[in-house]
Amino acid sequence: EVVESPEGPLLVLAGAGSGKTRAIVGRIVHLITARGVHPERILAVTFTNKAAGEMRERIETLVGVTASDIWIGTFHSICVRLLRYESQAFGLDANFSIYDEDDRRATVRRILEAHNIDERDLSPRSVIAQVSQAKNAMLDPVEFLHQAGDNPGRRKMADLYTAYETELRRNNAFDFDDLLMKPVELLEHHPELLERYRERFSFILVDEYQDTNRA
């Protein structure tokens, strides 16, 4: 029923191990082989690289090399692809770096030192957690400061967040949370790009949708 369902929104609720990913694979194969949908019009998103790899392998086994035209990946890998493809529109160098946790921690330590803040009073881990929470809620430093109101601790955090973002841009880098936040900003501020991708992807299939955040 899932595989052959007509076009339009479709929500599948089922327990672990019941075959949801298999149903998505079956639907993609059905769209290509029975409905004549071109693979490049299909976007399939999941949560782990392993799941994305298995999905691609299964589809390639069933439809051949044409499967390479499907955008299959994790939320983060799909977003990295989008950022690199559209780097010019976003004013980015396409060869940007992606900071891991060690890079983030080192950056925050330098910022705390520059602001004369003792790590015993405010740990890098705490700063990173608050910045991450803000980005997942789609709050940039300006919006974060606005929400801080008169709270001195939140206003100090807004200063650190601003310094952190300045440091990232100076080094042509993104952190892991940016990989979700920045493409959303890109598409919100460039409606012509948004329309192009809306036109391109006629079918968007999301595995493990319950684990998504706002971004």
N, C-alpha and C. Protein backbone atom coordinates (compact mmCIF):
# COMPACT_ATOMS: atom_id res chain seq x y z
N GLU A 1 0.84 -1.21 0.00
CA GLU A 1 0.00 0.00 0.00
C GLU A 1 0.87 1.26 0.00
N VAL A 2 1.93 1.25 0.80
CA VAL A 2 2.85 2.39 0.85
C VAL A 2 3.55 2.56 -0.49
N VAL A 3 4.06 1.48 -1.02
CA VAL A 3 4.83 1.51 -2.27
C VAL A 3 4.01 2.07 -3.42
N GLU A 4 2.76 1.67 -3.53
CA GLU A 4 1.93 2.02 -4.69
C GLU A 4 0.98 3.18 -4.43
N SER A 5 1.08 3.79 -3.26
CA SER A 5 0.19 4.90 -2.92
C SER A 5 0.33 6.04 -3.94
N PRO A 6 -0.79 6.71 -4.28
CA PRO A 6 -0.71 7.83 -5.24
C PRO A 6 0.08 9.00 -4.67
N GLU A 7 0.32 10.00 -5.52
CA GLU A 7 1.11 11.16 -5.11
C GLU A 7 0.41 11.93 -4.00
N GLY A 8 1.22 12.69 -3.25
CA GLY A 8 0.69 13.49 -2.17
C GLY A 8 1.30 13.09 -0.85
N PRO A 9 1.05 13.86 0.21
CA PRO A 9 1.63 13.57 1.52
C PRO A 9 1.23 12.19 2.02
N LEU A 10 2.18 11.50 2.63
CA LEU A 10 1.94 10.14 3.12
C LEU A 10 2.75 9.95 4.39
N LEU A 11 2.09 9.55 5.47
CA LEU A 11 2.78 9.30 6.74
C LEU A 11 2.65 7.82 7.08
N VAL A 12 3.78 7.18 7.34
CA VAL A 12 3.79 5.76 7.69
C VAL A 12 4.22 5.63 9.15
N LEU A 13 3.37 5.06 9.97
CA LEU A 13 3.67 4.82 11.39
C LEU A 13 3.79 3.32 11.61
N ALA A 14 4.97 2.89 12.08
CA ALA A 14 5.16 1.46 12.31
C ALA A 14 6.33 1.26 13.27
N GLY A 15 6.33 0.15 13.97
CA GLY A 15 7.35 -0.12 14.97
C GLY A 15 8.70 -0.49 14.38
N ALA A 16 9.67 -0.61 15.27
CA ALA A 16 11.04 -0.97 14.85
C ALA A 16 11.05 -2.34 14.20
N GLY A 17 11.83 -2.44 13.12
CA GLY A 17 12.01 -3.73 12.46
C GLY A 17 10.84 -4.20 11.63
N SER A 18 9.86 -3.32 11.41
CA SER A 18 8.67 -3.74 10.66
C SER A 18 8.79 -3.51 9.16
N GLY A 19 9.89 -2.85 8.73
CA GLY A 19 10.12 -2.73 7.28
C GLY A 19 9.88 -1.35 6.69
N LYS A 20 9.98 -0.31 7.51
CA LYS A 20 9.73 1.05 6.99
C LYS A 20 10.75 1.44 5.92
N THR A 21 12.03 1.18 6.20
CA THR A 21 13.07 1.53 5.22
C THR A 21 12.89 0.71 3.95
N ARG A 22 12.54 -0.54 4.11
CA ARG A 22 12.28 -1.40 2.95
C ARG A 22 11.12 -0.84 2.13
N ALA A 23 10.10 -0.30 2.82
CA ALA A 23 8.96 0.29 2.12
C ALA A 23 9.38 1.53 1.33
N ILE A 24 10.28 2.34 1.91
CA ILE A 24 10.77 3.52 1.21
C ILE A 24 11.54 3.11 -0.03
N VAL A 25 12.42 2.12 0.11
CA VAL A 25 13.18 1.61 -1.03
C VAL A 25 12.21 1.11 -2.11
N GLY A 26 11.21 0.34 -1.70
CA GLY A 26 10.23 -0.19 -2.64
C GLY A 26 9.48 0.92 -3.36
N ARG A 27 9.15 1.97 -2.62
CA ARG A 27 8.42 3.10 -3.23
C ARG A 27 9.30 3.81 -4.26
N ILE A 28 10.57 4.02 -3.92
CA ILE A 28 11.48 4.67 -4.87
C ILE A 28 11.61 3.85 -6.15
N VAL A 29 11.80 2.54 -5.99
CA VAL A 29 11.92 1.66 -7.16
C VAL A 29 10.64 1.70 -7.99
N HIS A 30 9.49 1.68 -7.31
CA HIS A 30 8.20 1.74 -8.00
C HIS A 30 8.05 3.05 -8.77
N LEU A 31 8.45 4.16 -8.15
CA LEU A 31 8.36 5.46 -8.82
C LEU A 31 9.17 5.48 -10.11
N ILE A 32 10.35 4.87 -10.08
CA ILE A 32 11.24 4.88 -11.24
C ILE A 32 10.77 3.90 -12.31
N THR A 33 10.48 2.67 -11.89
CA THR A 33 10.20 1.61 -12.87
C THR A 33 8.75 1.58 -13.34
N ALA A 34 7.80 1.86 -12.45
CA ALA A 34 6.39 1.75 -12.83
C ALA A 34 5.76 3.09 -13.17
N ARG A 35 6.28 4.18 -12.58
CA ARG A 35 5.65 5.48 -12.80
C ARG A 35 6.48 6.39 -13.70
N GLY A 36 7.68 5.95 -14.06
CA GLY A 36 8.51 6.72 -15.00
C GLY A 36 9.08 8.01 -14.43
N VAL A 37 9.21 8.08 -13.10
CA VAL A 37 9.79 9.28 -12.47
C VAL A 37 11.31 9.26 -12.66
N HIS A 38 11.87 10.38 -13.12
CA HIS A 38 13.32 10.42 -13.30
C HIS A 38 13.99 10.42 -11.92
N PRO A 39 15.05 9.61 -11.75
CA PRO A 39 15.70 9.51 -10.43
C PRO A 39 16.14 10.84 -9.84
N GLU A 40 16.53 11.81 -10.67
CA GLU A 40 17.01 13.08 -10.12
C GLU A 40 15.88 13.92 -9.49
N ARG A 41 14.65 13.49 -9.66
CA ARG A 41 13.52 14.19 -9.05
C ARG A 41 13.15 13.62 -7.68
N ILE A 42 13.99 12.69 -7.21
CA ILE A 42 13.72 12.01 -5.94
C ILE A 42 14.79 12.39 -4.91
N LEU A 43 14.34 12.74 -3.71
CA LEU A 43 15.23 13.04 -2.58
C LEU A 43 14.87 12.09 -1.44
N ALA A 44 15.85 11.34 -0.96
CA ALA A 44 15.62 10.40 0.15
C ALA A 44 16.57 10.75 1.30
N VAL A 45 15.98 10.99 2.47
CA VAL A 45 16.76 11.45 3.62
C VAL A 45 16.60 10.50 4.78
N THR A 46 17.73 10.18 5.43
CA THR A 46 17.68 9.33 6.62
C THR A 46 18.68 9.86 7.65
N PHE A 47 18.86 9.14 8.77
CA PHE A 47 19.61 9.73 9.87
C PHE A 47 21.05 9.26 10.00
N THR A 48 21.40 8.13 9.46
CA THR A 48 22.79 7.66 9.60
C THR A 48 23.39 7.37 8.23
N ASN A 49 24.71 7.52 8.14
CA ASN A 49 25.40 7.20 6.90
C ASN A 49 25.21 5.74 6.52
N LYS A 50 25.19 4.88 7.54
CA LYS A 50 25.01 3.46 7.29
C LYS A 50 23.65 3.19 6.62
N ALA A 51 22.60 3.81 7.16
CA ALA A 51 21.26 3.61 6.60
C ALA A 51 21.18 4.16 5.18
N ALA A 52 21.81 5.32 4.96
CA ALA A 52 21.80 5.92 3.62
C ALA A 52 22.53 5.03 2.62
N GLY A 53 23.68 4.48 3.06
CA GLY A 53 24.45 3.58 2.19
C GLY A 53 23.68 2.32 1.84
N GLU A 54 23.02 1.75 2.85
CA GLU A 54 22.23 0.54 2.61
C GLU A 54 21.06 0.83 1.66
N MET A 55 20.44 1.99 1.83
CA MET A 55 19.32 2.37 0.98
C MET A 55 19.78 2.48 -0.47
N ARG A 56 20.91 3.15 -0.68
CA ARG A 56 21.43 3.31 -2.03
C ARG A 56 21.79 1.96 -2.66
N GLU A 57 22.44 1.10 -1.87
CA GLU A 57 22.82 -0.22 -2.39
C GLU A 57 21.60 -1.03 -2.83
N ARG A 58 20.56 -1.01 -2.00
CA ARG A 58 19.35 -1.77 -2.33
C ARG A 58 18.70 -1.24 -3.61
N ILE A 59 18.66 0.08 -3.74
CA ILE A 59 18.03 0.67 -4.92
C ILE A 59 18.85 0.38 -6.17
N GLU A 60 20.18 0.51 -6.05
CA GLU A 60 21.06 0.22 -7.20
C GLU A 60 20.91 -1.22 -7.66
N THR A 61 20.75 -2.12 -6.70
CA THR A 61 20.57 -3.54 -7.05
C THR A 61 19.32 -3.75 -7.89
N LEU A 62 18.29 -2.93 -7.59
CA LEU A 62 16.99 -3.12 -8.25
C LEU A 62 16.81 -2.29 -9.52
N VAL A 63 17.46 -1.13 -9.61
CA VAL A 63 17.24 -0.29 -10.80
C VAL A 63 18.53 0.02 -11.56
N GLY A 64 19.69 -0.37 -11.03
CA GLY A 64 20.95 -0.15 -11.74
C GLY A 64 21.57 1.21 -11.47
N VAL A 65 22.49 1.62 -12.37
CA VAL A 65 23.31 2.82 -12.14
C VAL A 65 22.49 4.10 -12.13
N THR A 66 21.30 4.06 -12.69
CA THR A 66 20.45 5.27 -12.69
C THR A 66 20.17 5.76 -11.27
N ALA A 67 20.33 4.86 -10.29
CA ALA A 67 20.11 5.23 -8.89
C ALA A 67 21.08 6.32 -8.43
N SER A 68 22.20 6.47 -9.12
CA SER A 68 23.19 7.47 -8.72
C SER A 68 22.66 8.90 -8.87
N ASP A 69 21.58 9.07 -9.64
CA ASP A 69 20.99 10.40 -9.82
C ASP A 69 20.08 10.80 -8.67
N ILE A 70 19.71 9.83 -7.82
CA ILE A 70 18.86 10.15 -6.67
C ILE A 70 19.73 10.83 -5.61
N TRP A 71 19.19 11.86 -4.97
CA TRP A 71 19.88 12.45 -3.82
C TRP A 71 19.49 11.60 -2.60
N ILE A 72 20.42 10.78 -2.14
CA ILE A 72 20.20 9.96 -0.96
C ILE A 72 21.26 10.31 0.07
N GLY A 73 20.87 10.57 1.30
CA GLY A 73 21.87 10.86 2.32
C GLY A 73 21.23 11.21 3.65
N THR A 74 22.10 11.52 4.60
CA THR A 74 21.61 12.01 5.89
C THR A 74 21.20 13.46 5.73
N PHE A 75 20.50 14.00 6.71
CA PHE A 75 20.17 15.42 6.68
C PHE A 75 21.44 16.25 6.49
N HIS A 76 22.48 15.90 7.24
CA HIS A 76 23.71 16.70 7.19
C HIS A 76 24.42 16.57 5.84
N SER A 77 24.50 15.37 5.30
CA SER A 77 25.22 15.22 4.03
C SER A 77 24.46 15.88 2.87
N ILE A 78 23.14 15.81 2.90
CA ILE A 78 22.33 16.48 1.88
C ILE A 78 22.54 18.00 1.97
N CYS A 79 22.58 18.50 3.20
CA CYS A 79 22.76 19.95 3.40
C CYS A 79 24.15 20.42 3.00
N VAL A 80 25.17 19.61 3.27
CA VAL A 80 26.53 19.95 2.83
C VAL A 80 26.56 20.03 1.30
N ARG A 81 25.92 19.08 0.66
CA ARG A 81 25.86 19.07 -0.81
C ARG A 81 25.21 20.35 -1.33
N LEU A 82 24.11 20.74 -0.70
CA LEU A 82 23.40 21.96 -1.08
C LEU A 82 24.28 23.20 -0.88
N LEU A 83 24.96 23.27 0.26
CA LEU A 83 25.82 24.42 0.54
C LEU A 83 26.96 24.52 -0.46
N ARG A 84 27.55 23.39 -0.81
CA ARG A 84 28.67 23.43 -1.76
C ARG A 84 28.16 23.78 -3.17
N TYR A 85 27.02 23.21 -3.56
CA TYR A 85 26.45 23.51 -4.88
C TYR A 85 26.10 24.99 -5.01
N GLU A 86 25.57 25.57 -3.94
CA GLU A 86 25.05 26.93 -4.00
C GLU A 86 25.95 27.92 -3.27
N SER A 87 27.21 27.59 -3.12
CA SER A 87 28.13 28.42 -2.35
C SER A 87 28.21 29.85 -2.90
N GLN A 88 28.15 30.00 -4.22
CA GLN A 88 28.26 31.32 -4.82
C GLN A 88 27.08 32.20 -4.41
N ALA A 89 25.87 31.63 -4.43
CA ALA A 89 24.68 32.40 -4.06
C ALA A 89 24.75 32.83 -2.60
N PHE A 90 25.41 32.00 -1.78
CA PHE A 90 25.46 32.26 -0.35
C PHE A 90 26.71 33.04 0.05
N GLY A 91 27.53 33.37 -0.96
CA GLY A 91 28.74 34.13 -0.66
C GLY A 91 29.77 33.32 0.09
N LEU A 92 29.84 32.02 -0.21
CA LEU A 92 30.76 31.12 0.48
C LEU A 92 31.86 30.64 -0.44
N ASP A 93 32.97 30.25 0.15
CA ASP A 93 33.98 29.48 -0.56
C ASP A 93 33.52 28.03 -0.48
N ALA A 94 33.36 27.38 -1.63
CA ALA A 94 32.84 26.02 -1.66
C ALA A 94 33.73 25.03 -0.92
N ASN A 95 34.98 25.40 -0.66
CA ASN A 95 35.91 24.51 0.04
C ASN A 95 35.90 24.74 1.55
N PHE A 96 34.75 25.11 2.09
CA PHE A 96 34.67 25.37 3.53
C PHE A 96 35.01 24.12 4.34
N SER A 97 35.50 24.35 5.55
CA SER A 97 35.80 23.27 6.49
C SER A 97 34.59 22.99 7.36
N ILE A 98 34.54 21.79 7.92
CA ILE A 98 33.49 21.44 8.88
C ILE A 98 34.17 21.12 10.20
N TYR A 99 33.88 21.94 11.22
CA TYR A 99 34.52 21.76 12.52
C TYR A 99 33.92 20.57 13.27
N ASP A 100 34.82 19.75 13.82
CA ASP A 100 34.36 18.68 14.71
C ASP A 100 34.36 19.21 16.14
N GLU A 101 34.07 18.34 17.11
CA GLU A 101 33.96 18.79 18.50
C GLU A 101 35.27 19.36 19.04
N ASP A 102 36.39 18.77 18.66
CA ASP A 102 37.69 19.29 19.12
C ASP A 102 37.93 20.71 18.59
N ASP A 103 37.59 20.92 17.31
CA ASP A 103 37.75 22.25 16.71
C ASP A 103 36.87 23.27 17.44
N ARG A 104 35.63 22.87 17.72
CA ARG A 104 34.70 23.77 18.40
C ARG A 104 35.23 24.14 19.79
N ARG A 105 35.70 23.13 20.50
CA ARG A 105 36.17 23.36 21.86
C ARG A 105 37.38 24.30 21.85
N ALA A 106 38.30 24.08 20.92
CA ALA A 106 39.49 24.93 20.84
C ALA A 106 39.10 26.38 20.51
N THR A 107 38.15 26.54 19.62
CA THR A 107 37.68 27.87 19.24
C THR A 107 37.05 28.58 20.43
N VAL A 108 36.18 27.88 21.15
CA VAL A 108 35.50 28.48 22.31
C VAL A 108 36.50 28.82 23.40
N ARG A 109 37.52 27.97 23.60
CA ARG A 109 38.55 28.27 24.61
C ARG A 109 39.25 29.58 24.29
N ARG A 110 39.57 29.79 23.01
CA ARG A 110 40.25 31.03 22.62
C ARG A 110 39.34 32.24 22.87
N ILE A 111 38.06 32.06 22.60
CA ILE A 111 37.10 33.16 22.79
C ILE A 111 36.95 33.49 24.27
N LEU A 112 36.84 32.46 25.10
CA LEU A 112 36.72 32.68 26.55
C LEU A 112 37.95 33.41 27.08
N GLU A 113 39.10 33.01 26.59
CA GLU A 113 40.35 33.65 27.02
C GLU A 113 40.36 35.12 26.59
N ALA A 114 39.92 35.38 25.35
CA ALA A 114 39.89 36.76 24.85
C ALA A 114 38.91 37.63 25.63
N HIS A 115 37.87 37.00 26.18
CA HIS A 115 36.88 37.74 26.97
C HIS A 115 37.20 37.72 28.48
N ASN A 116 38.39 37.20 28.82
CA ASN A 116 38.82 37.12 30.23
C ASN A 116 37.81 36.37 31.10
N ILE A 117 37.31 35.26 30.57
CA ILE A 117 36.36 34.43 31.31
C ILE A 117 37.06 33.13 31.71
N ASP A 118 37.06 32.84 32.99
CA ASP A 118 37.68 31.63 33.51
C ASP A 118 36.80 30.42 33.17
N GLU A 119 37.43 29.37 32.67
CA GLU A 119 36.67 28.16 32.31
C GLU A 119 35.98 27.53 33.51
N ARG A 120 36.45 27.84 34.72
CA ARG A 120 35.79 27.32 35.92
C ARG A 120 34.46 28.03 36.17
N ASP A 121 34.34 29.23 35.61
CA ASP A 121 33.08 29.98 35.74
C ASP A 121 32.11 29.66 34.61
N LEU A 122 32.67 29.41 33.43
CA LEU A 122 31.84 29.08 32.27
C LEU A 122 32.65 28.13 31.38
N SER A 123 32.23 26.89 31.32
CA SER A 123 33.03 25.89 30.60
C SER A 123 32.76 25.93 29.09
N PRO A 124 33.77 25.57 28.30
CA PRO A 124 33.56 25.47 26.85
C PRO A 124 32.39 24.55 26.50
N ARG A 125 32.25 23.46 27.24
CA ARG A 125 31.16 22.52 26.99
C ARG A 125 29.79 23.22 27.11
N SER A 126 29.67 24.07 28.13
CA SER A 126 28.41 24.78 28.36
C SER A 126 28.13 25.78 27.23
N VAL A 127 29.16 26.49 26.80
CA VAL A 127 29.01 27.46 25.71
C VAL A 127 28.59 26.74 24.43
N ILE A 128 29.27 25.65 24.12
CA ILE A 128 28.96 24.89 22.91
C ILE A 128 27.52 24.38 22.95
N ALA A 129 27.10 23.89 24.12
CA ALA A 129 25.74 23.36 24.26
C ALA A 129 24.70 24.45 24.01
N GLN A 130 24.96 25.65 24.55
CA GLN A 130 23.99 26.75 24.39
C GLN A 130 23.96 27.26 22.94
N VAL A 131 25.12 27.32 22.31
CA VAL A 131 25.16 27.73 20.91
C VAL A 131 24.44 26.70 20.03
N SER A 132 24.69 25.43 20.32
CA SER A 132 24.05 24.35 19.57
C SER A 132 22.53 24.41 19.72
N GLN A 133 22.08 24.64 20.94
CA GLN A 133 20.65 24.74 21.21
C GLN A 133 20.04 25.91 20.44
N ALA A 134 20.75 27.02 20.41
CA ALA A 134 20.26 28.20 19.68
C ALA A 134 20.15 27.91 18.18
N LYS A 135 21.17 27.26 17.63
CA LYS A 135 21.16 26.98 16.19
C LYS A 135 20.06 25.99 15.82
N ASN A 136 19.84 25.00 16.69
CA ASN A 136 18.77 24.03 16.41
C ASN A 136 17.40 24.68 16.48
N ALA A 137 17.31 25.80 17.21
CA ALA A 137 16.06 26.55 17.28
C ALA A 137 16.01 27.65 16.22
N MET A 138 17.02 27.66 15.33
CA MET A 138 17.11 28.64 14.24
C MET A 138 17.29 30.07 14.74
N LEU A 139 18.04 30.24 15.84
CA LEU A 139 18.33 31.57 16.37
C LEU A 139 19.76 31.97 16.02
N ASP A 140 19.92 33.03 15.24
CA ASP A 140 21.26 33.54 14.99
C ASP A 140 21.66 34.44 16.17
N PRO A 141 22.90 34.95 16.21
CA PRO A 141 23.32 35.76 17.37
C PRO A 141 22.44 36.97 17.63
N VAL A 142 21.95 37.63 16.58
CA VAL A 142 21.11 38.81 16.75
C VAL A 142 19.79 38.43 17.42
N GLU A 143 19.17 37.36 16.95
CA GLU A 143 17.90 36.91 17.53
C GLU A 143 18.11 36.40 18.96
N PHE A 144 19.26 35.75 19.17
CA PHE A 144 19.58 35.25 20.51
C PHE A 144 19.71 36.42 21.49
N LEU A 145 20.38 37.50 21.05
CA LEU A 145 20.54 38.68 21.90
C LEU A 145 19.17 39.32 22.18
N HIS A 146 18.34 39.37 21.16
CA HIS A 146 17.00 39.95 21.32
C HIS A 146 16.21 39.19 22.38
N GLN A 147 16.32 37.85 22.34
CA GLN A 147 15.59 37.03 23.31
C GLN A 147 16.20 37.09 24.71
N ALA A 148 17.47 37.50 24.78
CA ALA A 148 18.15 37.56 26.08
C ALA A 148 17.54 38.62 26.99
N GLY A 149 16.97 39.66 26.37
CA GLY A 149 16.37 40.74 27.18
C GLY A 149 17.40 41.39 28.09
N ASP A 150 17.05 41.55 29.36
CA ASP A 150 17.95 42.19 30.33
C ASP A 150 18.75 41.18 31.14
N ASN A 151 18.67 39.92 30.80
CA ASN A 151 19.38 38.87 31.54
C ASN A 151 20.88 38.99 31.25
N PRO A 152 21.71 39.36 32.25
CA PRO A 152 23.14 39.57 31.99
C PRO A 152 23.86 38.31 31.53
N GLY A 153 23.49 37.16 32.09
CA GLY A 153 24.12 35.91 31.69
C GLY A 153 23.84 35.58 30.23
N ARG A 154 22.58 35.79 29.80
CA ARG A 154 22.20 35.50 28.42
C ARG A 154 22.83 36.52 27.46
N ARG A 155 22.97 37.75 27.92
CA ARG A 155 23.59 38.76 27.07
C ARG A 155 25.09 38.48 26.88
N LYS A 156 25.72 38.00 27.96
CA LYS A 156 27.13 37.59 27.85
C LYS A 156 27.25 36.43 26.86
N MET A 157 26.29 35.48 26.96
CA MET A 157 26.29 34.33 26.06
C MET A 157 26.11 34.77 24.61
N ALA A 158 25.28 35.80 24.40
CA ALA A 158 25.06 36.32 23.05
C ALA A 158 26.37 36.89 22.48
N ASP A 159 27.16 37.57 23.35
CA ASP A 159 28.47 38.09 22.91
C ASP A 159 29.40 36.96 22.49
N LEU A 160 29.40 35.90 23.29
CA LEU A 160 30.26 34.75 22.98
C LEU A 160 29.81 34.06 21.69
N TYR A 161 28.51 33.95 21.53
CA TYR A 161 27.94 33.35 20.31
C TYR A 161 28.35 34.18 19.09
N THR A 162 28.27 35.49 19.20
CA THR A 162 28.67 36.38 18.10
C THR A 162 30.15 36.20 17.77
N ALA A 163 30.98 36.15 18.81
CA ALA A 163 32.43 35.97 18.60
C ALA A 163 32.72 34.61 17.97
N TYR A 164 31.98 33.60 18.39
CA TYR A 164 32.16 32.25 17.84
C TYR A 164 31.82 32.24 16.35
N GLU A 165 30.70 32.86 15.99
CA GLU A 165 30.31 32.91 14.58
C GLU A 165 31.31 33.69 13.74
N THR A 166 31.83 34.78 14.29
CA THR A 166 32.84 35.58 13.59
C THR A 166 34.08 34.75 13.31
N GLU A 167 34.47 33.95 14.32
CA GLU A 167 35.65 33.09 14.18
C GLU A 167 35.43 32.02 13.11
N LEU A 168 34.23 31.44 13.09
CA LEU A 168 33.93 30.43 12.07
C LEU A 168 34.02 31.01 10.67
N ARG A 169 33.38 32.17 10.47
CA ARG A 169 33.39 32.79 9.14
C ARG A 169 34.81 33.18 8.73
N ARG A 170 35.59 33.66 9.70
CA ARG A 170 36.97 34.07 9.40
C ARG A 170 37.79 32.89 8.90
N ASN A 171 37.46 31.71 9.39
CA ASN A 171 38.20 30.51 9.00
C ASN A 171 37.49 29.71 7.91
N ASN A 172 36.47 30.33 7.28
CA ASN A 172 35.70 29.65 6.23
C ASN A 172 35.26 28.27 6.70
N ALA A 173 34.60 28.25 7.86
CA ALA A 173 34.22 26.98 8.47
C ALA A 173 32.77 27.00 8.93
N PHE A 174 32.21 25.81 9.03
CA PHE A 174 30.90 25.60 9.63
C PHE A 174 31.04 24.55 10.72
N ASP A 175 30.18 24.64 11.72
CA ASP A 175 30.12 23.53 12.67
C ASP A 175 28.96 22.61 12.26
N PHE A 176 28.78 21.53 13.00
CA PHE A 176 27.81 20.51 12.60
C PHE A 176 26.39 21.07 12.60
N ASP A 177 26.09 21.97 13.54
CA ASP A 177 24.74 22.55 13.60
C ASP A 177 24.48 23.50 12.44
N ASP A 178 25.53 24.18 11.96
CA ASP A 178 25.38 25.07 10.81
C ASP A 178 24.91 24.32 9.57
N LEU A 179 25.30 23.06 9.48
CA LEU A 179 24.98 22.29 8.28
C LEU A 179 23.48 22.16 8.07
N LEU A 180 22.70 22.26 9.15
CA LEU A 180 21.25 22.28 9.03
C LEU A 180 20.71 23.70 8.97
N MET A 181 21.26 24.57 9.80
CA MET A 181 20.73 25.94 9.92
C MET A 181 20.99 26.77 8.66
N LYS A 182 22.20 26.70 8.11
CA LYS A 182 22.57 27.58 7.00
C LYS A 182 21.79 27.30 5.71
N PRO A 183 21.55 26.05 5.34
CA PRO A 183 20.73 25.84 4.14
C PRO A 183 19.30 26.38 4.29
N VAL A 184 18.75 26.30 5.51
CA VAL A 184 17.42 26.87 5.74
C VAL A 184 17.47 28.37 5.50
N GLU A 185 18.48 29.03 6.06
CA GLU A 185 18.64 30.47 5.86
C GLU A 185 18.83 30.79 4.37
N LEU A 186 19.64 29.98 3.72
CA LEU A 186 19.92 30.17 2.29
C LEU A 186 18.62 30.16 1.49
N LEU A 187 17.79 29.17 1.75
CA LEU A 187 16.56 29.03 0.98
C LEU A 187 15.52 30.08 1.36
N GLU A 188 15.54 30.51 2.63
CA GLU A 188 14.61 31.56 3.05
C GLU A 188 14.95 32.91 2.41
N HIS A 189 16.24 33.17 2.24
CA HIS A 189 16.67 34.47 1.72
C HIS A 189 16.83 34.48 0.20
N HIS A 190 16.73 33.33 -0.43
CA HIS A 190 16.86 33.25 -1.89
C HIS A 190 15.67 32.47 -2.46
N PRO A 191 14.52 33.14 -2.57
CA PRO A 191 13.30 32.43 -3.02
C PRO A 191 13.44 31.79 -4.39
N GLU A 192 14.30 32.36 -5.26
CA GLU A 192 14.48 31.75 -6.58
C GLU A 192 15.17 30.39 -6.48
N LEU A 193 16.11 30.27 -5.53
CA LEU A 193 16.76 28.98 -5.28
C LEU A 193 15.76 27.97 -4.70
N LEU A 194 14.98 28.45 -3.73
CA LEU A 194 13.96 27.60 -3.11
C LEU A 194 13.02 27.04 -4.17
N GLU A 195 12.60 27.91 -5.09
CA GLU A 195 11.67 27.48 -6.13
C GLU A 195 12.31 26.45 -7.05
N ARG A 196 13.62 26.65 -7.32
CA ARG A 196 14.33 25.69 -8.19
C ARG A 196 14.35 24.30 -7.57
N TYR A 197 14.63 24.23 -6.25
CA TYR A 197 14.68 22.92 -5.60
C TYR A 197 13.29 22.33 -5.41
N ARG A 198 12.30 23.20 -5.20
CA ARG A 198 10.92 22.71 -5.13
C ARG A 198 10.51 22.07 -6.45
N GLU A 199 10.94 22.71 -7.55
CA GLU A 199 10.63 22.17 -8.87
C GLU A 199 11.40 20.87 -9.13
N ARG A 200 12.62 20.81 -8.64
CA ARG A 200 13.45 19.65 -8.92
C ARG A 200 12.94 18.40 -8.21
N PHE A 201 12.68 18.51 -6.91
CA PHE A 201 12.32 17.32 -6.13
C PHE A 201 10.80 17.16 -6.04
N SER A 202 10.28 16.27 -6.86
CA SER A 202 8.85 15.99 -6.84
C SER A 202 8.49 15.02 -5.72
N PHE A 203 9.48 14.21 -5.30
CA PHE A 203 9.22 13.20 -4.28
C PHE A 203 10.31 13.28 -3.21
N ILE A 204 9.89 13.56 -1.98
CA ILE A 204 10.82 13.66 -0.86
C ILE A 204 10.41 12.59 0.16
N LEU A 205 11.31 11.66 0.42
CA LEU A 205 11.02 10.55 1.32
C LEU A 205 11.95 10.64 2.53
N VAL A 206 11.37 10.72 3.72
CA VAL A 206 12.15 10.91 4.95
C VAL A 206 11.97 9.72 5.87
N ASP A 207 13.09 9.08 6.20
CA ASP A 207 13.08 7.96 7.14
C ASP A 207 13.28 8.52 8.56
N GLU A 208 12.70 7.89 9.55
CA GLU A 208 12.86 8.31 10.96
C GLU A 208 12.46 9.77 11.17
N TYR A 209 11.35 10.17 10.59
CA TYR A 209 10.94 11.58 10.64
C TYR A 209 10.70 12.08 12.06
N GLN A 210 10.38 11.15 12.96
CA GLN A 210 10.07 11.56 14.35
C GLN A 210 11.28 12.15 15.06
N ASP A 211 12.48 11.95 14.54
CA ASP A 211 13.68 12.45 15.21
C ASP A 211 14.12 13.83 14.73
N THR A 212 13.31 14.50 13.92
CA THR A 212 13.71 15.80 13.42
C THR A 212 13.54 16.90 14.46
N ASN A 213 14.39 17.95 14.35
CA ASN A 213 14.19 19.16 15.16
C ASN A 213 13.64 20.25 14.23
N ARG A 214 13.56 21.48 14.73
CA ARG A 214 12.91 22.53 13.94
C ARG A 214 13.64 22.76 12.60
N ALA A 215 14.95 22.82 12.64
CA ALA A 215 15.72 23.06 11.42
C ALA A 215 15.50 21.94 10.41
